[in-house]
Amino acid sequence: MRSSSSFDRLRGFALAEVIVALALLAVVVLSLAAAGGRLMALGVATARRTQATARLASIADSLRSVSCLTLTSGTDSTAGVRVDWRIARGNVSRSMILSATFADRTSHTLVTESLVPCD
C-alpha cells in the first residue's frame, strides 16, 4: 500500500504553478503576435520602397529615351507613389533630379540624380 505522503506527491501541479505557466505562455504568445505584426509592417514598407524605386527607374529610362532638347520637368502619381523630376540644363548635358514620395506609416522620399548627355 501507498503511504499518504507518496500520494500527496503524485497529485499533480498546484494551482499557483498552473497560473504562472499560463501567464508565461500568454506573454510568449503575445510577443510572437507583436513580432508578426511588426514583420508585416516591415514587409509593407519594403514593398512600397521597391515600388517607388521601380517607378523612379522607369521614369528615368523614359526621360533618357527622349531627345535632350525636349526634356521638361514634371510630376507623375501612380499607386500611392508620387514622382517629381526636374531638368537642369547644362552646356553638354542635362541633369535629371528625380524624387519619389510614398507613405507607409510615415512619408518617405527617395532622391536620385542622373546626367543625360546631349548630342
N, C-alpha and C. Protein backbone atom coordinates (compact mmCIF):
# COMPACT_ATOMS: atom_id res chain seq x y z
N MET A 1 0.82 -1.19 0.00
CA MET A 1 0.00 0.00 0.00
C MET A 1 0.86 1.25 0.00
N ARG A 2 0.27 2.25 -0.50
CA ARG A 2 0.99 3.52 -0.53
C ARG A 2 0.74 4.30 0.74
N SER A 3 1.75 5.03 1.09
CA SER A 3 1.57 5.91 2.25
C SER A 3 0.95 7.21 1.79
N SER A 4 0.39 7.94 2.69
CA SER A 4 -0.27 9.20 2.33
C SER A 4 0.73 10.24 1.83
N SER A 5 1.97 10.17 2.25
CA SER A 5 2.96 11.15 1.80
C SER A 5 3.32 10.94 0.32
N SER A 6 3.40 9.67 -0.12
CA SER A 6 3.67 9.44 -1.54
C SER A 6 2.46 9.78 -2.39
N PHE A 7 1.26 9.63 -1.86
CA PHE A 7 0.05 10.01 -2.58
C PHE A 7 0.00 11.52 -2.80
N ASP A 8 0.42 12.30 -1.82
CA ASP A 8 0.43 13.76 -1.94
C ASP A 8 1.39 14.22 -3.04
N ARG A 9 2.50 13.54 -3.23
CA ARG A 9 3.46 13.93 -4.26
C ARG A 9 2.96 13.60 -5.66
N LEU A 10 2.06 12.68 -5.82
CA LEU A 10 1.59 12.26 -7.14
C LEU A 10 0.31 12.97 -7.58
N ARG A 11 -0.17 13.88 -6.81
CA ARG A 11 -1.44 14.52 -7.14
C ARG A 11 -1.37 15.41 -8.37
N GLY A 12 -0.25 15.99 -8.70
CA GLY A 12 -0.17 16.87 -9.86
C GLY A 12 0.41 18.22 -9.50
N PHE A 13 -0.01 19.23 -10.26
CA PHE A 13 0.52 20.57 -10.09
C PHE A 13 -0.37 21.37 -9.15
N ALA A 14 0.25 22.32 -8.49
CA ALA A 14 -0.50 23.23 -7.64
C ALA A 14 -1.14 24.30 -8.51
N LEU A 15 -2.19 24.90 -8.05
CA LEU A 15 -2.88 25.95 -8.79
C LEU A 15 -1.96 27.11 -9.11
N ALA A 16 -1.11 27.48 -8.20
CA ALA A 16 -0.17 28.59 -8.41
C ALA A 16 0.79 28.27 -9.57
N GLU A 17 1.25 27.03 -9.66
CA GLU A 17 2.14 26.65 -10.76
C GLU A 17 1.44 26.73 -12.10
N VAL A 18 0.19 26.33 -12.15
CA VAL A 18 -0.58 26.38 -13.39
C VAL A 18 -0.80 27.84 -13.81
N ILE A 19 -1.11 28.70 -12.87
CA ILE A 19 -1.33 30.12 -13.18
C ILE A 19 -0.05 30.76 -13.71
N VAL A 20 1.08 30.47 -13.08
CA VAL A 20 2.36 31.01 -13.54
C VAL A 20 2.68 30.50 -14.94
N ALA A 21 2.46 29.21 -15.18
CA ALA A 21 2.72 28.65 -16.52
C ALA A 21 1.84 29.30 -17.58
N LEU A 22 0.56 29.51 -17.27
CA LEU A 22 -0.35 30.15 -18.22
C LEU A 22 0.04 31.60 -18.47
N ALA A 23 0.49 32.28 -17.43
CA ALA A 23 0.93 33.68 -17.60
C ALA A 23 2.15 33.74 -18.50
N LEU A 24 3.10 32.85 -18.31
CA LEU A 24 4.28 32.82 -19.17
C LEU A 24 3.91 32.47 -20.61
N LEU A 25 3.01 31.54 -20.77
CA LEU A 25 2.55 31.19 -22.11
C LEU A 25 1.86 32.38 -22.79
N ALA A 26 1.07 33.11 -22.04
CA ALA A 26 0.39 34.29 -22.59
C ALA A 26 1.41 35.35 -23.03
N VAL A 27 2.45 35.56 -22.24
CA VAL A 27 3.49 36.53 -22.61
C VAL A 27 4.18 36.10 -23.90
N VAL A 28 4.50 34.83 -24.00
CA VAL A 28 5.17 34.34 -25.20
C VAL A 28 4.28 34.48 -26.43
N VAL A 29 3.02 34.12 -26.32
CA VAL A 29 2.09 34.21 -27.46
C VAL A 29 1.89 35.66 -27.88
N LEU A 30 1.74 36.55 -26.92
CA LEU A 30 1.56 37.97 -27.26
C LEU A 30 2.83 38.55 -27.89
N SER A 31 3.98 38.12 -27.42
CA SER A 31 5.24 38.59 -28.02
C SER A 31 5.36 38.12 -29.46
N LEU A 32 4.99 36.89 -29.71
CA LEU A 32 5.03 36.38 -31.09
C LEU A 32 4.04 37.12 -31.99
N ALA A 33 2.88 37.43 -31.46
CA ALA A 33 1.89 38.18 -32.25
C ALA A 33 2.40 39.58 -32.56
N ALA A 34 3.03 40.22 -31.59
CA ALA A 34 3.57 41.57 -31.83
C ALA A 34 4.70 41.53 -32.85
N ALA A 35 5.55 40.52 -32.75
CA ALA A 35 6.64 40.39 -33.71
C ALA A 35 6.09 40.13 -35.12
N GLY A 36 5.05 39.32 -35.22
CA GLY A 36 4.44 39.07 -36.52
C GLY A 36 3.84 40.32 -37.12
N GLY A 37 3.20 41.14 -36.29
CA GLY A 37 2.64 42.40 -36.78
C GLY A 37 3.72 43.35 -37.26
N ARG A 38 4.83 43.40 -36.53
CA ARG A 38 5.94 44.28 -36.92
C ARG A 38 6.56 43.80 -38.23
N LEU A 39 6.71 42.49 -38.37
CA LEU A 39 7.25 41.95 -39.62
C LEU A 39 6.33 42.25 -40.80
N MET A 40 5.03 42.21 -40.57
CA MET A 40 4.08 42.53 -41.62
C MET A 40 4.22 44.00 -42.04
N ALA A 41 4.36 44.88 -41.06
CA ALA A 41 4.54 46.30 -41.36
C ALA A 41 5.83 46.54 -42.12
N LEU A 42 6.90 45.85 -41.74
CA LEU A 42 8.16 45.99 -42.46
C LEU A 42 8.05 45.47 -43.89
N GLY A 43 7.28 44.42 -44.07
CA GLY A 43 7.06 43.90 -45.42
C GLY A 43 6.33 44.90 -46.30
N VAL A 44 5.33 45.55 -45.75
CA VAL A 44 4.58 46.57 -46.50
C VAL A 44 5.49 47.74 -46.84
N ALA A 45 6.31 48.19 -45.89
CA ALA A 45 7.22 49.31 -46.13
C ALA A 45 8.24 48.95 -47.21
N THR A 46 8.73 47.72 -47.17
CA THR A 46 9.68 47.27 -48.18
C THR A 46 9.03 47.21 -49.56
N ALA A 47 7.81 46.75 -49.62
CA ALA A 47 7.09 46.70 -50.90
C ALA A 47 6.89 48.11 -51.46
N ARG A 48 6.53 49.06 -50.60
CA ARG A 48 6.35 50.45 -51.05
C ARG A 48 7.67 51.03 -51.56
N ARG A 49 8.75 50.78 -50.83
CA ARG A 49 10.06 51.30 -51.23
C ARG A 49 10.48 50.69 -52.57
N THR A 50 10.24 49.41 -52.75
CA THR A 50 10.56 48.74 -54.01
C THR A 50 9.73 49.31 -55.15
N GLN A 51 8.45 49.55 -54.88
CA GLN A 51 7.57 50.13 -55.89
C GLN A 51 8.05 51.54 -56.28
N ALA A 52 8.45 52.33 -55.29
CA ALA A 52 8.93 53.69 -55.57
C ALA A 52 10.22 53.66 -56.36
N THR A 53 11.12 52.75 -56.01
CA THR A 53 12.39 52.64 -56.72
C THR A 53 12.16 52.21 -58.17
N ALA A 54 11.28 51.26 -58.38
CA ALA A 54 10.97 50.81 -59.74
C ALA A 54 10.35 51.93 -60.55
N ARG A 55 9.49 52.71 -59.91
CA ARG A 55 8.85 53.84 -60.62
C ARG A 55 9.88 54.90 -61.00
N LEU A 56 10.82 55.18 -60.09
CA LEU A 56 11.91 56.12 -60.40
C LEU A 56 12.72 55.63 -61.60
N ALA A 57 13.08 54.37 -61.58
CA ALA A 57 13.88 53.80 -62.68
C ALA A 57 13.12 53.86 -64.00
N SER A 58 11.83 53.57 -63.96
CA SER A 58 11.02 53.59 -65.18
C SER A 58 10.95 54.99 -65.78
N ILE A 59 10.71 55.98 -64.93
CA ILE A 59 10.61 57.36 -65.43
C ILE A 59 11.97 57.84 -65.92
N ALA A 60 13.05 57.50 -65.21
CA ALA A 60 14.39 57.89 -65.65
C ALA A 60 14.70 57.29 -67.02
N ASP A 61 14.34 56.02 -67.23
CA ASP A 61 14.54 55.39 -68.54
C ASP A 61 13.73 56.08 -69.62
N SER A 62 12.49 56.44 -69.29
CA SER A 62 11.65 57.15 -70.27
C SER A 62 12.25 58.50 -70.63
N LEU A 63 12.77 59.20 -69.64
CA LEU A 63 13.36 60.51 -69.90
C LEU A 63 14.65 60.39 -70.72
N ARG A 64 15.42 59.34 -70.48
CA ARG A 64 16.65 59.15 -71.23
C ARG A 64 16.37 58.81 -72.70
N SER A 65 15.20 58.27 -72.99
CA SER A 65 14.88 57.88 -74.37
C SER A 65 14.40 59.07 -75.20
N VAL A 66 14.16 60.19 -74.54
CA VAL A 66 13.67 61.40 -75.23
C VAL A 66 14.88 62.26 -75.61
N SER A 67 14.74 63.01 -76.67
CA SER A 67 15.80 63.93 -77.08
C SER A 67 16.12 64.90 -75.95
N CYS A 68 17.38 65.16 -75.79
CA CYS A 68 17.86 66.04 -74.72
C CYS A 68 17.21 67.43 -74.79
N LEU A 69 16.93 67.89 -75.99
CA LEU A 69 16.37 69.23 -76.17
C LEU A 69 14.91 69.32 -75.73
N THR A 70 14.22 68.19 -75.69
CA THR A 70 12.79 68.22 -75.36
C THR A 70 12.50 67.81 -73.91
N LEU A 71 13.53 67.57 -73.11
CA LEU A 71 13.31 67.19 -71.71
C LEU A 71 12.68 68.33 -70.93
N THR A 72 11.63 68.01 -70.20
CA THR A 72 10.98 69.01 -69.35
C THR A 72 10.72 68.41 -67.97
N SER A 73 10.56 69.28 -67.00
CA SER A 73 10.24 68.84 -65.64
C SER A 73 8.81 68.35 -65.59
N GLY A 74 8.49 67.56 -64.57
CA GLY A 74 7.13 67.06 -64.48
C GLY A 74 6.85 66.29 -63.21
N THR A 75 5.65 65.75 -63.14
CA THR A 75 5.17 65.00 -61.98
C THR A 75 4.33 63.83 -62.46
N ASP A 76 4.42 62.73 -61.75
CA ASP A 76 3.58 61.56 -62.03
C ASP A 76 3.19 60.94 -60.71
N SER A 77 1.94 60.52 -60.60
CA SER A 77 1.48 59.86 -59.39
C SER A 77 0.75 58.59 -59.78
N THR A 78 1.25 57.46 -59.28
CA THR A 78 0.67 56.16 -59.58
C THR A 78 0.73 55.28 -58.35
N ALA A 79 -0.38 54.68 -57.99
CA ALA A 79 -0.46 53.68 -56.91
C ALA A 79 0.21 54.14 -55.62
N GLY A 80 -0.06 55.35 -55.21
CA GLY A 80 0.45 55.84 -53.94
C GLY A 80 1.89 56.32 -53.98
N VAL A 81 2.50 56.37 -55.15
CA VAL A 81 3.87 56.86 -55.30
C VAL A 81 3.85 58.10 -56.18
N ARG A 82 4.32 59.21 -55.64
CA ARG A 82 4.40 60.46 -56.41
C ARG A 82 5.85 60.69 -56.81
N VAL A 83 6.08 60.84 -58.10
CA VAL A 83 7.43 61.07 -58.62
C VAL A 83 7.47 62.47 -59.23
N ASP A 84 8.43 63.26 -58.77
CA ASP A 84 8.68 64.60 -59.33
C ASP A 84 10.07 64.57 -59.95
N TRP A 85 10.21 65.23 -61.10
CA TRP A 85 11.53 65.35 -61.69
C TRP A 85 11.76 66.75 -62.18
N ARG A 86 13.02 67.17 -62.03
CA ARG A 86 13.44 68.49 -62.51
C ARG A 86 14.58 68.29 -63.48
N ILE A 87 14.59 69.11 -64.50
CA ILE A 87 15.63 69.05 -65.51
C ILE A 87 16.44 70.34 -65.41
N ALA A 88 17.72 70.21 -65.15
CA ALA A 88 18.62 71.37 -65.10
C ALA A 88 19.47 71.34 -66.37
N ARG A 89 19.47 72.45 -67.08
CA ARG A 89 20.17 72.50 -68.36
C ARG A 89 21.64 72.87 -68.17
N GLY A 90 22.49 72.10 -68.85
CA GLY A 90 23.92 72.39 -68.90
C GLY A 90 24.34 72.58 -70.34
N ASN A 91 25.62 72.81 -70.57
CA ASN A 91 26.11 73.03 -71.94
C ASN A 91 26.09 71.75 -72.77
N VAL A 92 26.56 70.66 -72.21
CA VAL A 92 26.67 69.42 -72.98
C VAL A 92 25.80 68.29 -72.41
N SER A 93 25.08 68.57 -71.35
CA SER A 93 24.23 67.54 -70.77
C SER A 93 23.07 68.18 -70.00
N ARG A 94 22.15 67.35 -69.62
CA ARG A 94 21.03 67.77 -68.78
C ARG A 94 21.10 66.96 -67.49
N SER A 95 20.84 67.59 -66.40
CA SER A 95 20.82 66.90 -65.11
C SER A 95 19.36 66.61 -64.76
N MET A 96 19.07 65.34 -64.48
CA MET A 96 17.72 64.95 -64.05
C MET A 96 17.77 64.68 -62.55
N ILE A 97 16.94 65.37 -61.81
CA ILE A 97 16.81 65.11 -60.38
C ILE A 97 15.41 64.57 -60.15
N LEU A 98 15.34 63.31 -59.76
CA LEU A 98 14.06 62.64 -59.57
C LEU A 98 13.85 62.36 -58.08
N SER A 99 12.64 62.58 -57.61
CA SER A 99 12.32 62.24 -56.23
C SER A 99 10.98 61.51 -56.20
N ALA A 100 10.94 60.44 -55.42
CA ALA A 100 9.71 59.66 -55.26
C ALA A 100 9.28 59.77 -53.81
N THR A 101 8.02 60.12 -53.60
CA THR A 101 7.46 60.22 -52.26
C THR A 101 6.38 59.16 -52.11
N PHE A 102 6.46 58.41 -51.02
CA PHE A 102 5.46 57.39 -50.73
C PHE A 102 5.24 57.35 -49.23
N ALA A 103 4.16 56.71 -48.83
CA ALA A 103 3.85 56.64 -47.41
C ALA A 103 3.51 55.22 -47.02
N ASP A 104 4.03 54.80 -45.88
CA ASP A 104 3.51 53.60 -45.23
C ASP A 104 2.89 54.08 -43.93
N ARG A 105 3.63 54.16 -42.87
CA ARG A 105 3.12 54.82 -41.66
C ARG A 105 3.53 56.29 -41.62
N THR A 106 4.67 56.59 -42.22
CA THR A 106 5.14 57.96 -42.35
C THR A 106 5.50 58.20 -43.80
N SER A 107 5.77 59.44 -44.13
CA SER A 107 6.11 59.79 -45.51
C SER A 107 7.62 59.62 -45.72
N HIS A 108 7.99 59.04 -46.86
CA HIS A 108 9.39 58.82 -47.20
C HIS A 108 9.66 59.41 -48.58
N THR A 109 10.87 59.88 -48.80
CA THR A 109 11.26 60.42 -50.10
C THR A 109 12.59 59.81 -50.52
N LEU A 110 12.63 59.28 -51.74
CA LEU A 110 13.85 58.78 -52.34
C LEU A 110 14.26 59.78 -53.41
N VAL A 111 15.54 60.12 -53.48
CA VAL A 111 16.03 61.10 -54.46
C VAL A 111 17.19 60.49 -55.23
N THR A 112 17.18 60.69 -56.53
CA THR A 112 18.28 60.24 -57.36
C THR A 112 18.59 61.32 -58.40
N GLU A 113 19.83 61.37 -58.82
CA GLU A 113 20.23 62.36 -59.82
C GLU A 113 20.99 61.64 -60.93
N SER A 114 20.75 62.06 -62.16
CA SER A 114 21.37 61.40 -63.31
C SER A 114 21.67 62.44 -64.37
N LEU A 115 22.71 62.21 -65.14
CA LEU A 115 23.06 63.10 -66.26
C LEU A 115 22.63 62.46 -67.57
N VAL A 116 22.11 63.30 -68.46
CA VAL A 116 21.73 62.86 -69.80
C VAL A 116 22.60 63.65 -70.78
N PRO A 117 23.47 62.96 -71.53
CA PRO A 117 24.33 63.70 -72.48
C PRO A 117 23.50 64.21 -73.64
N CYS A 118 23.86 65.39 -74.10
CA CYS A 118 23.20 65.98 -75.28
C CYS A 118 24.14 65.89 -76.47
N ASP A 119 23.62 65.37 -77.56
CA ASP A 119 24.44 65.23 -78.78
C ASP A 119 24.36 66.47 -79.62
